[in-house]
N, C-alpha and C. Protein backbone atom coordinates (compact mmCIF):
# COMPACT_ATOMS: atom_id res chain seq x y z
N MET A 1 93.41 238.13 269.56
CA MET A 1 94.31 238.56 268.31
C MET A 1 94.88 239.66 268.67
N ARG A 2 96.63 239.67 268.52
CA ARG A 2 97.18 240.69 268.82
C ARG A 2 97.65 241.66 267.47
N ILE A 3 97.37 242.96 267.62
CA ILE A 3 97.58 243.74 266.32
C ILE A 3 98.35 244.92 266.82
N LYS A 4 99.57 245.01 266.23
CA LYS A 4 100.42 246.16 266.45
C LYS A 4 100.19 247.32 265.62
N CYS A 5 100.41 248.84 265.98
CA CYS A 5 100.27 249.84 265.29
C CYS A 5 101.13 249.84 264.16
N PRO A 6 100.76 249.90 262.97
CA PRO A 6 102.05 249.99 261.74
C PRO A 6 102.87 251.20 261.97
N HIS A 7 102.80 252.09 262.94
CA HIS A 7 103.72 253.29 263.11
C HIS A 7 104.68 253.30 264.16
N CYS A 8 104.05 253.13 265.22
CA CYS A 8 105.07 252.97 266.31
C CYS A 8 105.24 251.55 266.93
N GLY A 9 104.47 250.47 266.66
CA GLY A 9 104.72 249.05 266.97
C GLY A 9 104.07 248.93 268.38
N SER A 10 103.33 249.80 269.13
CA SER A 10 102.54 249.33 270.20
C SER A 10 101.25 248.60 269.88
N ALA A 11 100.71 247.96 271.10
CA ALA A 11 99.51 247.49 271.17
C ALA A 11 98.50 248.10 270.36
N ALA A 12 97.53 247.40 269.83
CA ALA A 12 96.38 248.21 269.46
C ALA A 12 94.99 247.58 269.65
N ARG A 13 94.18 248.39 269.98
CA ARG A 13 92.74 247.86 270.35
C ARG A 13 91.56 247.89 269.38
N ILE A 14 91.04 246.79 269.14
CA ILE A 14 89.82 246.98 268.15
C ILE A 14 88.54 247.42 269.03
N ARG A 15 88.39 248.79 268.24
CA ARG A 15 87.19 249.48 268.90
C ARG A 15 85.84 249.13 268.49
N THR A 16 85.90 248.73 267.31
CA THR A 16 84.52 248.42 266.62
C THR A 16 84.87 247.41 265.53
N SER A 17 83.96 246.41 264.85
CA SER A 17 83.98 245.47 264.02
C SER A 17 82.75 245.33 263.34
N ARG A 18 82.60 245.19 261.82
CA ARG A 18 81.61 245.33 260.87
C ARG A 18 81.74 243.88 260.27
N ARG A 19 81.03 242.97 260.13
CA ARG A 19 81.28 241.80 259.03
C ARG A 19 80.82 242.32 257.64
N ILE A 20 81.74 242.01 256.75
CA ILE A 20 81.47 242.43 255.58
C ILE A 20 81.09 241.32 254.40
N SER A 21 81.55 239.99 254.74
CA SER A 21 81.02 238.90 254.20
C SER A 21 81.15 237.82 255.21
N ASP A 22 80.81 236.41 254.71
CA ASP A 22 81.28 235.39 255.79
C ASP A 22 82.77 235.31 255.96
N LEU A 23 83.57 235.42 255.12
CA LEU A 23 85.04 235.37 255.28
C LEU A 23 86.01 236.78 255.61
N THR A 24 84.97 237.78 255.58
CA THR A 24 85.73 239.23 255.99
C THR A 24 85.23 240.14 256.96
N VAL A 25 85.88 240.52 257.88
CA VAL A 25 85.68 241.36 259.07
C VAL A 25 86.51 242.46 258.88
N GLU A 26 85.53 243.95 259.18
CA GLU A 26 86.30 245.08 258.81
C GLU A 26 86.56 245.71 260.35
N HIS A 27 87.57 245.89 260.74
CA HIS A 27 87.77 246.49 262.10
C HIS A 27 88.49 247.83 262.25
N SER A 28 87.80 248.71 263.29
CA SER A 28 88.51 250.12 263.42
C SER A 28 89.30 249.93 264.55
N LEU A 29 90.52 250.00 264.54
CA LEU A 29 91.50 249.96 265.46
C LEU A 29 92.19 251.32 266.25
N GLN A 30 92.62 251.35 267.42
CA GLN A 30 93.14 252.38 267.95
C GLN A 30 94.40 252.10 268.76
N CYS A 31 95.58 252.67 268.29
CA CYS A 31 96.77 252.56 269.04
C CYS A 31 96.56 252.91 270.31
N GLN A 32 97.46 252.06 271.35
CA GLN A 32 97.16 252.33 272.86
C GLN A 32 98.46 253.36 273.35
N ASN A 33 99.13 253.67 272.56
CA ASN A 33 100.37 254.37 273.09
C ASN A 33 99.92 255.85 272.86
N LEU A 34 99.85 256.57 273.78
CA LEU A 34 99.11 257.81 273.60
C LEU A 34 99.81 258.99 273.12
N ASP A 35 101.14 258.76 272.91
CA ASP A 35 102.02 259.34 272.18
C ASP A 35 101.84 259.26 270.66
N CYS A 36 101.25 258.28 270.21
CA CYS A 36 100.85 257.96 268.77
C CYS A 36 99.61 258.16 268.35
N ALA A 37 98.77 257.64 269.24
CA ALA A 37 97.09 257.75 269.06
C ALA A 37 96.72 257.35 267.64
N HIS A 38 97.41 256.49 266.79
CA HIS A 38 96.98 256.32 265.60
C HIS A 38 95.69 255.61 265.54
N THR A 39 94.69 255.73 264.76
CA THR A 39 93.35 255.07 264.51
C THR A 39 93.48 254.90 263.19
N TRP A 40 92.91 253.52 262.94
CA TRP A 40 92.88 252.95 261.51
C TRP A 40 91.92 251.93 261.26
N VAL A 41 91.56 251.45 260.05
CA VAL A 41 90.64 250.27 259.67
C VAL A 41 91.61 249.34 259.06
N ALA A 42 91.28 248.10 259.40
CA ALA A 42 91.77 246.83 258.83
C ALA A 42 90.91 245.92 258.65
N LEU A 43 91.45 244.90 257.62
CA LEU A 43 90.23 243.82 257.32
C LEU A 43 91.05 242.52 257.84
N THR A 44 90.11 241.61 258.27
CA THR A 44 90.44 240.33 258.76
C THR A 44 89.69 239.27 257.85
N SER A 45 90.47 238.66 257.10
CA SER A 45 89.75 237.66 256.00
C SER A 45 90.41 236.17 256.42
N ALA A 46 89.63 235.22 256.04
CA ALA A 46 89.76 233.94 256.14
C ALA A 46 90.50 233.58 254.57
N VAL A 47 91.81 232.88 254.77
CA VAL A 47 92.27 232.72 253.35
C VAL A 47 92.75 231.29 253.13
N ARG A 48 92.98 230.54 254.12
CA ARG A 48 93.08 228.90 253.77
C ARG A 48 92.73 228.09 255.07
N THR A 49 92.27 226.86 254.90
CA THR A 49 92.03 226.04 256.12
C THR A 49 93.28 225.28 256.36
N ILE A 50 93.60 225.11 257.67
CA ILE A 50 94.55 224.16 258.18
C ILE A 50 93.87 223.10 258.59
N ALA A 51 92.88 222.94 259.45
CA ALA A 51 92.14 221.94 259.82
C ALA A 51 90.42 222.36 259.44
N PRO A 52 89.79 221.57 258.48
CA PRO A 52 88.58 221.65 258.18
C PRO A 52 87.50 221.51 259.41
N SER A 53 86.40 222.37 259.36
CA SER A 53 85.43 222.73 260.40
C SER A 53 84.49 221.50 260.58
N MET A 54 84.49 220.99 261.48
CA MET A 54 83.66 219.71 261.96
C MET A 54 81.92 220.13 261.66
N THR A 55 81.78 221.37 261.55
CA THR A 55 80.47 221.84 261.32
C THR A 55 80.46 222.70 259.75
N PRO A 56 80.74 222.36 258.80
CA PRO A 56 80.80 223.43 257.79
C PRO A 56 79.70 224.16 257.19
N ASN A 57 79.90 225.24 256.81
CA ASN A 57 78.63 226.01 256.30
C ASN A 57 79.06 225.73 254.73
N PRO A 58 77.92 225.11 254.21
CA PRO A 58 77.98 225.02 252.81
C PRO A 58 78.16 226.24 252.09
N LYS A 59 77.61 227.38 252.29
CA LYS A 59 77.83 228.69 251.83
C LYS A 59 79.40 229.20 251.40
N VAL A 60 80.22 228.44 252.61
CA VAL A 60 81.79 228.95 252.63
C VAL A 60 82.80 228.18 252.23
N TYR A 61 83.48 228.48 251.35
CA TYR A 61 84.50 228.03 250.67
C TYR A 61 85.96 228.51 250.95
N ILE A 62 86.64 227.89 252.05
CA ILE A 62 87.83 228.45 252.18
C ILE A 62 88.88 227.17 251.86
N PRO A 63 89.87 227.44 250.65
CA PRO A 63 90.67 226.36 250.31
C PRO A 63 91.54 225.80 251.18
N LEU A 64 91.96 224.42 251.17
CA LEU A 64 93.02 223.77 252.16
C LEU A 64 94.24 224.38 251.79
N SER A 65 95.19 224.66 253.12
CA SER A 65 96.57 224.84 252.85
C SER A 65 97.22 223.57 252.28
N PRO A 66 98.07 223.58 251.48
CA PRO A 66 99.04 222.72 250.87
C PRO A 66 99.48 221.87 252.02
N ARG A 67 99.91 222.62 253.03
CA ARG A 67 100.50 222.08 254.21
C ARG A 67 99.57 221.41 255.33
N SER A 68 98.31 221.68 255.16
CA SER A 68 97.42 220.87 255.98
C SER A 68 97.42 219.22 255.93
N PRO A 69 97.32 218.81 256.92
CA PRO A 69 97.30 217.38 257.32
C PRO A 69 96.11 216.85 256.21
N ALA A 70 94.78 217.76 256.13
CA ALA A 70 93.82 217.19 255.65
C ALA A 70 93.97 217.26 254.03
N ALA A 71 94.70 218.26 253.58
CA ALA A 71 95.14 218.10 252.33
C ALA A 71 95.93 217.00 251.75
N ASN A 72 96.67 216.87 252.65
CA ASN A 72 97.47 215.33 252.40
C ASN A 72 96.63 213.98 252.22
N ASN A 73 95.91 214.18 253.31
CA ASN A 73 94.68 212.91 253.44
C ASN A 73 93.79 212.92 252.05
N ALA A 74 93.52 214.09 251.45
CA ALA A 74 92.43 214.26 250.41
C ALA A 74 93.38 213.67 249.33
N GLN A 75 94.67 213.99 249.16
CA GLN A 75 95.52 213.63 247.75
C GLN A 75 95.91 212.06 248.19
N ASP A 76 95.98 211.70 249.44
CA ASP A 76 96.32 210.19 249.46
C ASP A 76 94.89 209.51 249.01
N LYS A 77 93.80 209.92 249.24
CA LYS A 77 92.48 209.40 248.89
C LYS A 77 92.45 209.46 247.14
N GLN A 78 92.75 210.38 246.83
CA GLN A 78 92.48 210.56 245.22
C GLN A 78 93.56 209.81 244.72
N THR A 79 94.77 209.58 245.04
CA THR A 79 95.79 208.74 244.76
C THR A 79 95.11 206.88 244.93
N ALA A 80 94.53 206.86 246.04
CA ALA A 80 94.00 205.43 246.20
C ALA A 80 92.84 205.22 245.38
N LEU A 81 92.03 206.19 245.11
CA LEU A 81 90.82 205.88 244.23
C LEU A 81 91.54 205.67 242.75
N ALA A 82 92.53 206.46 242.52
CA ALA A 82 92.85 206.41 241.21
C ALA A 82 93.67 205.06 241.07
N LEU A 83 94.32 204.38 241.85
CA LEU A 83 94.75 203.15 241.72
C LEU A 83 93.72 201.90 241.73
N ASP A 84 92.59 202.22 242.42
CA ASP A 84 91.51 201.16 242.71
C ASP A 84 90.66 200.90 241.38
N GLU A 85 90.70 202.14 240.72
CA GLU A 85 89.92 202.35 239.47
C GLU A 85 90.40 201.27 238.31
N PRO A 86 89.72 200.68 237.50
CA PRO A 86 90.22 199.99 236.38
C PRO A 86 90.61 201.16 235.35
N PRO A 87 91.55 200.91 234.36
CA PRO A 87 91.67 201.91 233.68
C PRO A 87 90.61 202.20 232.51
N HIS A 88 90.28 203.38 232.12
CA HIS A 88 89.37 203.74 231.08
C HIS A 88 89.46 202.86 229.85
N PRO A 89 88.60 202.40 229.22
CA PRO A 89 88.50 201.70 227.88
C PRO A 89 89.44 202.43 226.87
N ARG A 90 89.00 203.62 226.80
CA ARG A 90 89.78 204.43 225.76
C ARG A 90 91.51 204.44 226.10
N ALA A 91 91.58 204.52 227.28
CA ALA A 91 93.05 204.74 227.71
C ALA A 91 93.78 203.34 227.33
N MET A 92 92.98 202.16 227.41
CA MET A 92 93.57 201.04 227.12
C MET A 92 93.72 200.79 225.71
N ALA A 93 92.79 201.25 224.78
CA ALA A 93 92.92 201.34 223.45
C ALA A 93 94.23 202.09 222.91
N ILE A 94 94.44 203.03 223.56
CA ILE A 94 95.70 204.08 223.17
C ILE A 94 96.86 203.32 223.50
N HIS A 95 97.22 202.51 224.50
CA HIS A 95 98.18 201.88 225.08
C HIS A 95 98.51 200.37 224.38
N ASP A 96 97.37 200.04 223.76
CA ASP A 96 97.30 198.49 223.32
C ASP A 96 97.78 198.63 221.89
N THR A 97 99.19 198.31 221.44
CA THR A 97 99.58 198.20 220.22
C THR A 97 99.39 196.82 219.44
N GLY A 98 98.84 195.75 220.16
CA GLY A 98 99.10 194.38 219.64
C GLY A 98 97.68 194.02 219.41
């Protein structure tokens, strides 16, 4: 992962890392530009899934990106299920006028 210094734009190096949760890691970073030498703390968090894990952790939930092919597949499966199921009897009674 490449991180740039927010002040001078030079490359930064991760000096230490500490896991805060299953989804978030805190990093101490240092600018590699000796004239800048900025040192700061940043967070890295998982915010959305592009391709689901083949070995998912049941304790972790990361929502699917709407642009993920997996999200499209899930939507297609939901649509197919809705089309395959017979209408609910109450829905039939509402639409049945005769």
